[in-house]
Amino acid sequence: MSLAIQLPAREDQMEFNLRIWEQMLADPELAKVEGRIETDRHGRIIMTPPPGPAHGGRQADIAFLLRTMLGGRIITECPISTSDGVKAADVGWFSDARYAQAFDRRFFLEAPEICVEVISPGNTRREMEETMELYFDAGAVEVWFCDEDGTMRFLEPEGLLEKSLLCPDFPPTIEA
């Protein structure tokens, strides 16, 4: 006899993510924890320590540049419901229209148009590729990576871009 285990459909995963995230938000002990908290598709908590100064500085610079160049809504540590739980993009850029439809008081039901990850020393290539796929699956139009040396990489679902299509004047490098 064979036992087939089916993963929940995206809608079911979204409801599951909502339920787990609400429980986490209501937990006073978790509210005291510093660092990033995410979940996996099973509702398990994934915690990472707070980033270093260079990481936070690049995150702030990217957020400022996006706000200045595109307007819209900028969210740092942007919680997004994905097929693998709730993930937090370092920076998310939403058009006003998408923000209005994706916003939920707990997390975003759809990814921002631009999801940015600032690479940390502990990140692996495979981890970042998986994260990128989750963001695209959740509706991101572009995913950007800021490498440890500040070099920006811009991607769409079809692959690497020479520059962002949504923000073509964004600089190719972010200083530390």
C-alpha atoms as a PDB file:
ATOM      1  CA  MET A   1       0.000   0.000   0.000  1.00  0.00           C
ATOM      2  CA  SER A   2       1.279   3.470  -0.907  1.00  0.00           C
ATOM      3  CA  LEU A   3       0.684   6.565   1.131  1.00  0.00           C
ATOM      4  CA  ALA A   4       0.827   9.783  -0.880  1.00  0.00           C
ATOM      5  CA  ILE A   5       1.288  12.960   1.089  1.00  0.00           C
ATOM      6  CA  GLN A   6      -0.044  16.061  -0.600  1.00  0.00           C
ATOM      7  CA  LEU A   7       1.162  19.547   0.280  1.00  0.00           C
ATOM      8  CA  PRO A   8      -1.633  22.025   0.814  1.00  0.00           C
ATOM      9  CA  ALA A   9      -2.780  24.196  -2.077  1.00  0.00           C
ATOM     10  CA  ARG A  10      -1.566  27.824  -2.014  1.00  0.00           C
ATOM     11  CA  GLU A  11      -4.918  28.965  -0.571  1.00  0.00           C
ATOM     12  CA  ASP A  12      -4.734  26.336   2.165  1.00  0.00           C
ATOM     13  CA  GLN A  13      -1.118  27.269   2.894  1.00  0.00           C
ATOM     14  CA  MET A  14      -2.170  30.924   3.114  1.00  0.00           C
ATOM     15  CA  GLU A  15      -4.811  30.109   5.731  1.00  0.00           C
ATOM     16  CA  PHE A  16      -2.326  27.979   7.629  1.00  0.00           C
ATOM     17  CA  ASN A  17       0.263  30.792   7.476  1.00  0.00           C
ATOM     18  CA  LEU A  18      -2.340  33.261   8.774  1.00  0.00           C
ATOM     19  CA  ARG A  19      -3.246  31.036  11.703  1.00  0.00           C
ATOM     20  CA  ILE A  20       0.375  30.375  12.724  1.00  0.00           C
ATOM     21  CA  TRP A  21       1.418  34.015  12.242  1.00  0.00           C
ATOM     22  CA  GLU A  22      -1.473  35.253  14.393  1.00  0.00           C
ATOM     23  CA  GLN A  23      -0.391  32.888  17.157  1.00  0.00           C
ATOM     24  CA  MET A  24       3.174  34.182  16.902  1.00  0.00           C
ATOM     25  CA  LEU A  25       2.067  37.834  16.968  1.00  0.00           C
ATOM     26  CA  ALA A  26       0.009  37.153  20.087  1.00  0.00           C
ATOM     27  CA  ASP A  27       2.928  35.518  21.926  1.00  0.00           C
ATOM     28  CA  PRO A  28       4.431  38.059  24.386  1.00  0.00           C
ATOM     29  CA  GLU A  29       7.675  36.071  24.676  1.00  0.00           C
ATOM     30  CA  LEU A  30       8.278  36.147  20.919  1.00  0.00           C
ATOM     31  CA  ALA A  31       7.693  39.909  20.942  1.00  0.00           C
ATOM     32  CA  LYS A  32      10.828  40.255  23.089  1.00  0.00           C
ATOM     33  CA  VAL A  33      13.066  38.397  20.647  1.00  0.00           C
ATOM     34  CA  GLU A  34      15.548  40.416  18.582  1.00  0.00           C
ATOM     35  CA  GLY A  35      16.261  39.375  15.022  1.00  0.00           C
ATOM     36  CA  ARG A  36      14.219  38.068  12.151  1.00  0.00           C
ATOM     37  CA  ILE A  37      11.465  35.537  12.695  1.00  0.00           C
ATOM     38  CA  GLU A  38      10.025  33.576   9.791  1.00  0.00           C
ATOM     39  CA  THR A  39       8.187  30.275   9.486  1.00  0.00           C
ATOM     40  CA  ASP A  40       8.494  27.271   7.257  1.00  0.00           C
ATOM     41  CA  ARG A  41       5.591  25.544   5.511  1.00  0.00           C
ATOM     42  CA  HIS A  42       4.978  23.429   8.616  1.00  0.00           C
ATOM     43  CA  GLY A  43       4.624  26.434  10.914  1.00  0.00           C
ATOM     44  CA  ARG A  44       7.999  25.936  12.579  1.00  0.00           C
ATOM     45  CA  ILE A  45       9.746  29.115  13.649  1.00  0.00           C
ATOM     46  CA  ILE A  46      12.975  30.070  11.908  1.00  0.00           C
ATOM     47  CA  MET A  47      15.009  32.685  13.764  1.00  0.00           C
ATOM     48  CA  THR A  48      18.122  34.510  12.636  1.00  0.00           C
ATOM     49  CA  PRO A  49      20.190  36.995  14.628  1.00  0.00           C
ATOM     50  CA  PRO A  50      19.994  40.710  13.878  1.00  0.00           C
ATOM     51  CA  PRO A  51      22.108  41.683  10.856  1.00  0.00           C
ATOM     52  CA  GLY A  52      25.380  43.562  11.123  1.00  0.00           C
ATOM     53  CA  PRO A  53      25.749  47.296  10.511  1.00  0.00           C
ATOM     54  CA  ALA A  54      26.735  46.975   6.827  1.00  0.00           C
ATOM     55  CA  HIS A  55      23.656  44.838   6.143  1.00  0.00           C
ATOM     56  CA  GLY A  56      21.325  47.264   7.905  1.00  0.00           C
ATOM     57  CA  GLY A  57      22.949  50.240   6.198  1.00  0.00           C
ATOM     58  CA  ARG A  58      22.508  48.748   2.738  1.00  0.00           C
ATOM     59  CA  GLN A  59      18.941  47.804   3.584  1.00  0.00           C
ATOM     60  CA  ALA A  60      18.218  51.406   4.621  1.00  0.00           C
ATOM     61  CA  ASP A  61      19.950  52.845   1.547  1.00  0.00           C
ATOM     62  CA  ILE A  62      18.020  50.574  -0.815  1.00  0.00           C
ATOM     63  CA  ALA A  63      14.733  51.478   0.887  1.00  0.00           C
ATOM     64  CA  PHE A  64      15.548  55.204   0.650  1.00  0.00           C
ATOM     65  CA  LEU A  65      16.529  54.991  -3.024  1.00  0.00           C
ATOM     66  CA  LEU A  66      13.403  53.028  -3.948  1.00  0.00           C
ATOM     67  CA  ARG A  67      11.179  55.507  -2.115  1.00  0.00           C
ATOM     68  CA  THR A  68      12.933  58.458  -3.756  1.00  0.00           C
ATOM     69  CA  MET A  69      12.958  56.961  -7.256  1.00  0.00           C
ATOM     70  CA  LEU A  70       9.612  55.157  -7.401  1.00  0.00           C
ATOM     71  CA  GLY A  71       7.401  56.445  -4.599  1.00  0.00           C
ATOM     72  CA  GLY A  72       4.922  53.747  -3.642  1.00  0.00           C
ATOM     73  CA  ARG A  73       5.266  51.833  -0.371  1.00  0.00           C
ATOM     74  CA  ILE A  74       8.531  50.564   1.067  1.00  0.00           C
ATOM     75  CA  ILE A  75       8.500  47.872   3.744  1.00  0.00           C
ATOM     76  CA  THR A  76      11.651  46.602   5.448  1.00  0.00           C
ATOM     77  CA  GLU A  77      11.589  43.118   6.947  1.00  0.00           C
ATOM     78  CA  CYS A  78       8.541  42.649   4.715  1.00  0.00           C
ATOM     79  CA  PRO A  79       6.546  39.549   5.821  1.00  0.00           C
ATOM     80  CA  ILE A  80       5.164  37.656   2.811  1.00  0.00           C
ATOM     81  CA  SER A  81       2.981  34.555   2.819  1.00  0.00           C
ATOM     82  CA  THR A  82       4.657  31.979   0.555  1.00  0.00           C
ATOM     83  CA  SER A  83       4.180  28.319  -0.224  1.00  0.00           C
ATOM     84  CA  ASP A  84       6.980  27.667   2.297  1.00  0.00           C
ATOM     85  CA  GLY A  85       5.601  29.722   5.187  1.00  0.00           C
ATOM     86  CA  VAL A  86       6.061  33.397   5.974  1.00  0.00           C
ATOM     87  CA  LYS A  87       9.320  34.876   4.677  1.00  0.00           C
ATOM     88  CA  ALA A  88      10.622  38.382   5.329  1.00  0.00           C
ATOM     89  CA  ALA A  89      12.242  40.227   2.429  1.00  0.00           C
ATOM     90  CA  ASP A  90      14.884  42.702   3.583  1.00  0.00           C
ATOM     91  CA  VAL A  91      13.150  45.375   1.488  1.00  0.00           C
ATOM     92  CA  GLY A  92       9.879  45.241  -0.437  1.00  0.00           C
ATOM     93  CA  TRP A  93       8.615  47.856  -2.894  1.00  0.00           C
ATOM     94  CA  PHE A  94       4.872  48.009  -3.557  1.00  0.00           C
ATOM     95  CA  SER A  95       3.037  50.178  -6.030  1.00  0.00           C
ATOM     96  CA  ASP A  96       0.161  51.906  -4.249  1.00  0.00           C
ATOM     97  CA  ALA A  97      -2.319  49.699  -6.130  1.00  0.00           C
ATOM     98  CA  ARG A  98      -0.692  46.396  -5.134  1.00  0.00           C
ATOM     99  CA  TYR A  99      -0.198  47.552  -1.555  1.00  0.00           C
ATOM    100  CA  ALA A 100      -3.922  48.263  -1.254  1.00  0.00           C
ATOM    101  CA  GLN A 101      -4.831  44.738  -2.366  1.00  0.00           C
ATOM    102  CA  ALA A 102      -1.977  42.780  -0.726  1.00  0.00           C
ATOM    103  CA  PHE A 103      -1.972  44.422   2.702  1.00  0.00           C
ATOM    104  CA  ASP A 104      -3.192  42.428   5.649  1.00  0.00           C
ATOM    105  CA  ARG A 105      -2.533  43.529   9.202  1.00  0.00           C
ATOM    106  CA  ARG A 106      -0.526  40.364   9.821  1.00  0.00           C
ATOM    107  CA  PHE A 107       1.530  39.925   6.633  1.00  0.00           C
ATOM    108  CA  PHE A 108       1.301  40.445   2.898  1.00  0.00           C
ATOM    109  CA  LEU A 109      -0.957  38.106   0.957  1.00  0.00           C
ATOM    110  CA  GLU A 110       0.972  38.829  -2.250  1.00  0.00           C
ATOM    111  CA  ALA A 111       4.635  39.695  -2.676  1.00  0.00           C
ATOM    112  CA  PRO A 112       5.649  43.259  -3.452  1.00  0.00           C
ATOM    113  CA  GLU A 113       6.576  43.938  -7.057  1.00  0.00           C
ATOM    114  CA  ILE A 114      10.239  44.191  -5.994  1.00  0.00           C
ATOM    115  CA  CYS A 115      11.682  41.954  -3.271  1.00  0.00           C
ATOM    116  CA  VAL A 116      15.246  42.716  -2.190  1.00  0.00           C
ATOM    117  CA  GLU A 117      17.577  40.476  -0.225  1.00  0.00           C
ATOM    118  CA  VAL A 118      20.811  41.851   1.218  1.00  0.00           C
ATOM    119  CA  ILE A 119      23.202  38.910   1.267  1.00  0.00           C
ATOM    120  CA  SER A 120      24.741  38.020   4.627  1.00  0.00           C
ATOM    121  CA  PRO A 121      27.835  35.853   5.170  1.00  0.00           C
ATOM    122  CA  GLY A 122      25.665  32.944   6.327  1.00  0.00           C
ATOM    123  CA  ASN A 123      23.447  32.884   3.228  1.00  0.00           C
ATOM    124  CA  THR A 124      24.029  30.092   0.734  1.00  0.00           C
ATOM    125  CA  ARG A 125      23.446  30.253  -2.999  1.00  0.00           C
ATOM    126  CA  ARG A 126      20.831  27.503  -2.791  1.00  0.00           C
ATOM    127  CA  GLU A 127      18.995  29.301   0.033  1.00  0.00           C
ATOM    128  CA  MET A 128      18.846  32.524  -1.995  1.00  0.00           C
ATOM    129  CA  GLU A 129      17.694  30.674  -5.138  1.00  0.00           C
ATOM    130  CA  GLU A 130      14.891  29.041  -3.137  1.00  0.00           C
ATOM    131  CA  THR A 131      13.935  32.380  -1.599  1.00  0.00           C
ATOM    132  CA  MET A 132      13.868  33.993  -5.045  1.00  0.00           C
ATOM    133  CA  GLU A 133      11.559  31.264  -6.372  1.00  0.00           C
ATOM    134  CA  LEU A 134       9.231  31.683  -3.373  1.00  0.00           C
ATOM    135  CA  TYR A 135       8.999  35.438  -3.994  1.00  0.00           C
ATOM    136  CA  PHE A 136       8.288  34.951  -7.705  1.00  0.00           C
ATOM    137  CA  ASP A 137       5.693  32.285  -6.883  1.00  0.00           C
ATOM    138  CA  ALA A 138       4.049  34.752  -4.467  1.00  0.00           C
ATOM    139  CA  GLY A 139       3.796  37.388  -7.222  1.00  0.00           C
ATOM    140  CA  ALA A 140       7.058  39.372  -7.241  1.00  0.00           C
ATOM    141  CA  VAL A 141       7.887  40.937 -10.606  1.00  0.00           C
ATOM    142  CA  GLU A 142      11.586  41.348  -9.813  1.00  0.00           C
ATOM    143  CA  VAL A 143      13.901  40.002  -7.121  1.00  0.00           C
ATOM    144  CA  TRP A 144      17.071  41.913  -6.355  1.00  0.00           C
ATOM    145  CA  PHE A 145      20.146  40.779  -4.488  1.00  0.00           C
ATOM    146  CA  CYS A 146      22.668  43.101  -2.879  1.00  0.00           C
ATOM    147  CA  ASP A 147      25.882  41.113  -2.579  1.00  0.00           C
ATOM    148  CA  GLU A 148      28.272  41.481   0.363  1.00  0.00           C
ATOM    149  CA  ASP A 149      30.401  43.942  -1.638  1.00  0.00           C
ATOM    150  CA  GLY A 150      27.319  46.062  -2.426  1.00  0.00           C
ATOM    151  CA  THR A 151      26.920  44.892  -6.035  1.00  0.00           C
ATOM    152  CA  MET A 152      23.278  44.751  -7.076  1.00  0.00           C
ATOM    153  CA  ARG A 153      21.810  41.901  -9.154  1.00  0.00           C
ATOM    154  CA  PHE A 154      18.359  42.267 -10.718  1.00  0.00           C
ATOM    155  CA  LEU A 155      16.293  39.246 -11.736  1.00  0.00           C
ATOM    156  CA  GLU A 156      12.936  38.512 -13.290  1.00  0.00           C
ATOM    157  CA  PRO A 157      11.396  35.025 -13.493  1.00  0.00           C
ATOM    158  CA  GLU A 158      13.163  34.426 -16.826  1.00  0.00           C
ATOM    159  CA  GLY A 159      16.597  35.222 -15.407  1.00  0.00           C
ATOM    160  CA  LEU A 160      19.207  37.896 -14.824  1.00  0.00           C
ATOM    161  CA  LEU A 161      18.595  41.453 -16.026  1.00  0.00           C
ATOM    162  CA  GLU A 162      21.251  43.980 -16.991  1.00  0.00           C
ATOM    163  CA  LYS A 163      19.293  46.526 -14.922  1.00  0.00           C
ATOM    164  CA  SER A 164      15.899  46.663 -13.267  1.00  0.00           C
ATOM    165  CA  LEU A 165      12.961  47.053 -15.625  1.00  0.00           C
ATOM    166  CA  LEU A 166      10.849  48.630 -12.867  1.00  0.00           C
ATOM    167  CA  CYS A 167      13.565  51.037 -11.684  1.00  0.00           C
ATOM    168  CA  PRO A 168      16.127  51.266 -14.517  1.00  0.00           C
ATOM    169  CA  ASP A 169      18.078  54.129 -12.876  1.00  0.00           C
ATOM    170  CA  PHE A 170      18.774  52.195  -9.675  1.00  0.00           C
ATOM    171  CA  PRO A 171      22.547  52.222  -9.028  1.00  0.00           C
ATOM    172  CA  PRO A 172      24.555  49.057  -9.726  1.00  0.00           C
ATOM    173  CA  THR A 173      26.340  49.301  -6.342  1.00  0.00           C
ATOM    174  CA  ILE A 174      25.318  50.259  -2.798  1.00  0.00           C
ATOM    175  CA  GLU A 175      28.131  51.539  -0.576  1.00  0.00           C
ATOM    176  CA  ALA A 176      28.536  50.125   2.926  1.00  0.00           C
END
